[in-house]
C-alpha atoms as a PDB file:
ATOM      1  CA  UNK A   1     -32.907 102.673  63.406  1.00  0.00           C
ATOM      2  CA  UNK A   2     -29.283 101.649  63.019  1.00  0.00           C
ATOM      3  CA  UNK A   3     -28.376  97.957  62.713  1.00  0.00           C
ATOM      4  CA  UNK A   4     -24.874  96.713  63.461  1.00  0.00           C
ATOM      5  CA  UNK A   5     -23.608  93.198  62.698  1.00  0.00           C
ATOM      6  CA  UNK A   6     -21.637  93.340  65.946  1.00  0.00           C
ATOM      7  CA  UNK A   7     -24.857  93.855  67.918  1.00  0.00           C
ATOM      8  CA  UNK A   8     -26.683  90.777  66.591  1.00  0.00           C
ATOM      9  CA  UNK A   9     -27.896  88.449  69.335  1.00  0.00           C
ATOM     10  CA  UNK A  10     -29.798  85.785  67.372  1.00  0.00           C
ATOM     11  CA  UNK A  11     -29.136  84.493  63.902  1.00  0.00           C
ATOM     12  CA  UNK A  12     -26.405  85.162  61.372  1.00  0.00           C
ATOM     13  CA  UNK A  13     -26.528  87.356  58.292  1.00  0.00           C
ATOM     14  CA  UNK A  14     -28.103  84.508  56.309  1.00  0.00           C
ATOM     15  CA  UNK A  15     -30.232  82.501  58.767  1.00  0.00           C
ATOM     16  CA  UNK A  16     -32.248  83.151  61.893  1.00  0.00           C
ATOM     17  CA  UNK A  17     -31.913  81.220  65.148  1.00  0.00           C
ATOM     18  CA  UNK A  18     -34.245  78.217  65.272  1.00  0.00           C
ATOM     19  CA  UNK A  19     -36.498  78.286  68.347  1.00  0.00           C
ATOM     20  CA  UNK A  20     -38.461  75.128  69.179  1.00  0.00           C
ATOM     21  CA  UNK A  21     -38.252  75.175  72.979  1.00  0.00           C
ATOM     22  CA  UNK A  22     -37.091  77.607  75.663  1.00  0.00           C
ATOM     23  CA  UNK A  23     -33.595  78.870  74.772  1.00  0.00           C
ATOM     24  CA  UNK A  24     -31.241  81.824  75.017  1.00  0.00           C
ATOM     25  CA  UNK A  25     -29.880  83.808  72.094  1.00  0.00           C
ATOM     26  CA  UNK A  26     -27.077  82.383  69.956  1.00  0.00           C
ATOM     27  CA  UNK A  27     -24.849  85.292  70.907  1.00  0.00           C
ATOM     28  CA  UNK A  28     -24.359  87.617  73.855  1.00  0.00           C
ATOM     29  CA  UNK A  29     -23.217  91.217  73.932  1.00  0.00           C
ATOM     30  CA  UNK A  30     -20.238  91.279  76.326  1.00  0.00           C
ATOM     31  CA  UNK A  31     -20.301  94.665  78.044  1.00  0.00           C
ATOM     32  CA  UNK A  32     -16.811  94.273  79.552  1.00  0.00           C
ATOM     33  CA  UNK A  33     -14.610  92.723  76.901  1.00  0.00           C
ATOM     34  CA  UNK A  34     -13.091  94.084  73.715  1.00  0.00           C
ATOM     35  CA  UNK A  35     -13.313  90.615  72.119  1.00  0.00           C
ATOM     36  CA  UNK A  36     -16.831  89.714  71.093  1.00  0.00           C
ATOM     37  CA  UNK A  37     -18.443  87.331  68.670  1.00  0.00           C
ATOM     38  CA  UNK A  38     -21.890  88.357  67.536  1.00  0.00           C
ATOM     39  CA  UNK A  39     -23.829  87.197  64.513  1.00  0.00           C
ATOM     40  CA  UNK A  40     -20.756  85.428  63.173  1.00  0.00           C
ATOM     41  CA  UNK A  41     -18.694  88.646  63.241  1.00  0.00           C
ATOM     42  CA  UNK A  42     -15.676  89.008  65.537  1.00  0.00           C
ATOM     43  CA  UNK A  43     -14.139  92.246  66.779  1.00  0.00           C
ATOM     44  CA  UNK A  44     -11.377  93.179  69.184  1.00  0.00           C
ATOM     45  CA  UNK A  45     -12.640  96.747  69.494  1.00  0.00           C
ATOM     46  CA  UNK A  46     -14.191  97.740  72.832  1.00  0.00           C
ATOM     47  CA  UNK A  47     -17.899  98.334  72.291  1.00  0.00           C
ATOM     48  CA  UNK A  48     -20.151 100.834  74.011  1.00  0.00           C
ATOM     49  CA  UNK A  49     -23.893 100.268  74.147  1.00  0.00           C
ATOM     50  CA  UNK A  50     -24.473 104.001  74.384  1.00  0.00           C
ATOM     51  CA  UNK A  51     -25.653 104.091  77.975  1.00  0.00           C
ATOM     52  CA  UNK A  52     -28.065 106.941  78.532  1.00  0.00           C
ATOM     53  CA  UNK A  53     -29.403 106.822  74.965  1.00  0.00           C
ATOM     54  CA  UNK A  54     -32.593 105.042  73.977  1.00  0.00           C
ATOM     55  CA  UNK A  55     -31.744 101.425  73.235  1.00  0.00           C
ATOM     56  CA  UNK A  56     -33.973  98.780  71.717  1.00  0.00           C
ATOM     57  CA  UNK A  57     -33.838  95.117  70.815  1.00  0.00           C
ATOM     58  CA  UNK A  58     -35.699  94.190  67.652  1.00  0.00           C
ATOM     59  CA  UNK A  59     -36.908  90.713  66.791  1.00  0.00           C
ATOM     60  CA  UNK A  60     -37.589  89.781  63.190  1.00  0.00           C
ATOM     61  CA  UNK A  61     -39.259  86.482  62.371  1.00  0.00           C
ATOM     62  CA  UNK A  62     -37.260  84.764  59.625  1.00  0.00           C
ATOM     63  CA  UNK A  63     -39.348  81.632  59.147  1.00  0.00           C
ATOM     64  CA  UNK A  64     -42.992  81.370  60.259  1.00  0.00           C
ATOM     65  CA  UNK A  65     -43.445  79.525  63.546  1.00  0.00           C
ATOM     66  CA  UNK A  66     -45.548  76.365  63.706  1.00  0.00           C
ATOM     67  CA  UNK A  67     -46.639  74.122  66.558  1.00  0.00           C
ATOM     68  CA  UNK A  68     -49.071  71.289  67.176  1.00  0.00           C
ATOM     69  CA  UNK A  69     -51.061  73.371  69.659  1.00  0.00           C
ATOM     70  CA  UNK A  70     -51.584  76.993  70.632  1.00  0.00           C
ATOM     71  CA  UNK A  71     -47.931  77.687  71.486  1.00  0.00           C
ATOM     72  CA  UNK A  72     -46.688  81.080  72.650  1.00  0.00           C
ATOM     73  CA  UNK A  73     -43.301  82.755  72.782  1.00  0.00           C
ATOM     74  CA  UNK A  74     -42.288  85.192  75.529  1.00  0.00           C
ATOM     75  CA  UNK A  75     -38.963  86.849  74.647  1.00  0.00           C
ATOM     76  CA  UNK A  76     -37.169  88.869  77.321  1.00  0.00           C
ATOM     77  CA  UNK A  77     -33.989  90.931  77.153  1.00  0.00           C
ATOM     78  CA  UNK A  78     -31.754  90.114  80.100  1.00  0.00           C
ATOM     79  CA  UNK A  79     -28.371  90.885  81.595  1.00  0.00           C
ATOM     80  CA  UNK A  80     -26.553  87.808  82.851  1.00  0.00           C
ATOM     81  CA  UNK A  81     -23.455  87.146  84.923  1.00  0.00           C
ATOM     82  CA  UNK A  82     -22.463  84.256  82.612  1.00  0.00           C
ATOM     83  CA  UNK A  83     -23.036  83.057  79.058  1.00  0.00           C
ATOM     84  CA  UNK A  84     -25.496  80.346  80.125  1.00  0.00           C
ATOM     85  CA  UNK A  85     -27.988  82.892  81.461  1.00  0.00           C
ATOM     86  CA  UNK A  86     -28.361  81.310  84.904  1.00  0.00           C
ATOM     87  CA  UNK A  87     -28.331  84.492  87.022  1.00  0.00           C
ATOM     88  CA  UNK A  88     -30.123  87.284  85.168  1.00  0.00           C
ATOM     89  CA  UNK A  89     -32.084  90.487  85.524  1.00  0.00           C
ATOM     90  CA  UNK A  90     -34.789  91.340  82.958  1.00  0.00           C
ATOM     91  CA  UNK A  91     -34.240  94.740  81.344  1.00  0.00           C
ATOM     92  CA  UNK A  92     -36.832  94.533  78.562  1.00  0.00           C
ATOM     93  CA  UNK A  93     -39.770  92.414  77.464  1.00  0.00           C
ATOM     94  CA  UNK A  94     -41.807  91.818  74.336  1.00  0.00           C
ATOM     95  CA  UNK A  95     -44.781  90.315  76.191  1.00  0.00           C
ATOM     96  CA  UNK A  96     -46.322  86.991  75.251  1.00  0.00           C
ATOM     97  CA  UNK A  97     -46.639  86.463  71.492  1.00  0.00           C
ATOM     98  CA  UNK A  98     -49.117  83.931  70.097  1.00  0.00           C
ATOM     99  CA  UNK A  99     -47.925  81.471  67.441  1.00  0.00           C
ATOM    100  CA  UNK A 100     -50.339  83.023  64.921  1.00  0.00           C
ATOM    101  CA  UNK A 101     -48.457  86.350  65.203  1.00  0.00           C
ATOM    102  CA  UNK A 102     -45.055  84.795  64.539  1.00  0.00           C
ATOM    103  CA  UNK A 103     -45.143  84.994  60.746  1.00  0.00           C
ATOM    104  CA  UNK A 104     -42.163  85.574  58.459  1.00  0.00           C
ATOM    105  CA  UNK A 105     -41.138  89.221  58.232  1.00  0.00           C
ATOM    106  CA  UNK A 106     -42.972  90.325  61.384  1.00  0.00           C
ATOM    107  CA  UNK A 107     -41.036  92.700  63.664  1.00  0.00           C
ATOM    108  CA  UNK A 108     -41.267  93.207  67.417  1.00  0.00           C
ATOM    109  CA  UNK A 109     -39.481  95.916  69.418  1.00  0.00           C
ATOM    110  CA  UNK A 110     -38.620  96.187  73.125  1.00  0.00           C
ATOM    111  CA  UNK A 111     -37.063  99.216  74.767  1.00  0.00           C
ATOM    112  CA  UNK A 112     -34.267  98.297  77.153  1.00  0.00           C
ATOM    113  CA  UNK A 113     -33.121 100.164  80.226  1.00  0.00           C
ATOM    114  CA  UNK A 114     -30.509 102.704  79.062  1.00  0.00           C
ATOM    115  CA  UNK A 115     -28.898 102.836  82.543  1.00  0.00           C
ATOM    116  CA  UNK A 116     -27.170  99.458  82.409  1.00  0.00           C
ATOM    117  CA  UNK A 117     -24.258 100.690  84.513  1.00  0.00           C
ATOM    118  CA  UNK A 118     -26.642 101.287  87.419  1.00  0.00           C
ATOM    119  CA  UNK A 119     -27.079  97.517  87.651  1.00  0.00           C
ATOM    120  CA  UNK A 120     -23.524  97.203  88.952  1.00  0.00           C
ATOM    121  CA  UNK A 121     -20.712  94.943  87.873  1.00  0.00           C
ATOM    122  CA  UNK A 122     -22.527  91.650  88.538  1.00  0.00           C
ATOM    123  CA  UNK A 123     -24.120  91.483  85.108  1.00  0.00           C
ATOM    124  CA  UNK A 124     -21.880  91.318  82.070  1.00  0.00           C
ATOM    125  CA  UNK A 125     -23.689  89.717  79.132  1.00  0.00           C
ATOM    126  CA  UNK A 126     -26.770  91.018  77.341  1.00  0.00           C
ATOM    127  CA  UNK A 127     -28.883  88.126  76.005  1.00  0.00           C
ATOM    128  CA  UNK A 128     -32.386  87.364  74.791  1.00  0.00           C
ATOM    129  CA  UNK A 129     -34.296  84.530  76.476  1.00  0.00           C
ATOM    130  CA  UNK A 130     -37.027  82.848  74.432  1.00  0.00           C
ATOM    131  CA  UNK A 131     -39.581  81.115  76.661  1.00  0.00           C
ATOM    132  CA  UNK A 132     -41.891  78.723  74.806  1.00  0.00           C
ATOM    133  CA  UNK A 133     -45.177  77.776  76.491  1.00  0.00           C
ATOM    134  CA  UNK A 134     -47.801  75.273  75.373  1.00  0.00           C
ATOM    135  CA  UNK A 135     -45.126  74.050  72.984  1.00  0.00           C
ATOM    136  CA  UNK A 136     -42.960  72.862  71.603  1.00  0.00           C
ATOM    137  CA  UNK A 137     -42.730  74.857  68.421  1.00  0.00           C
ATOM    138  CA  UNK A 138     -42.123  72.589  65.438  1.00  0.00           C
ATOM    139  CA  UNK A 139     -40.523  75.264  63.233  1.00  0.00           C
ATOM    140  CA  UNK A 140     -39.591  78.938  63.266  1.00  0.00           C
ATOM    141  CA  UNK A 141     -36.530  81.169  63.194  1.00  0.00           C
ATOM    142  CA  UNK A 142     -35.820  84.606  64.589  1.00  0.00           C
ATOM    143  CA  UNK A 143     -33.243  87.389  64.330  1.00  0.00           C
ATOM    144  CA  UNK A 144     -32.514  89.649  67.307  1.00  0.00           C
ATOM    145  CA  UNK A 145     -30.501  92.879  67.148  1.00  0.00           C
ATOM    146  CA  UNK A 146     -29.593  95.704  69.541  1.00  0.00           C
ATOM    147  CA  UNK A 147     -30.485  98.977  67.805  1.00  0.00           C
ATOM    148  CA  UNK A 148     -30.618 102.686  68.606  1.00  0.00           C
END
């Protein structure tokens, strides 16, 4: 597995993204622009996701999740036509994860569709959506990275 600071979707190098209610990732991978900000790192180099190769998004729990009830988290990898994630298509899923499984250091992996170009030019930004159910979460952080 190869990690790249320019392919970070949630969190920075020092702290994960706090998730207490449904949210989208801190950062998006812009598939059509040479200027990207991801994980606090900026580049002006055009980036290629490696279409056709196996691609994955990994989630790493930074801080253990807590909630008053039996909360769950359902992360999905999506392509969106804008940075707010209003019009999306799901290209990968982690399934529903119980709060008890969201402990510090735990990793989850989702394979994403390697034929992103087949989805046309409508979708530009790769994001992770975190859907919290039976929440809210009262604490918990997560890192998300695109890896090969």
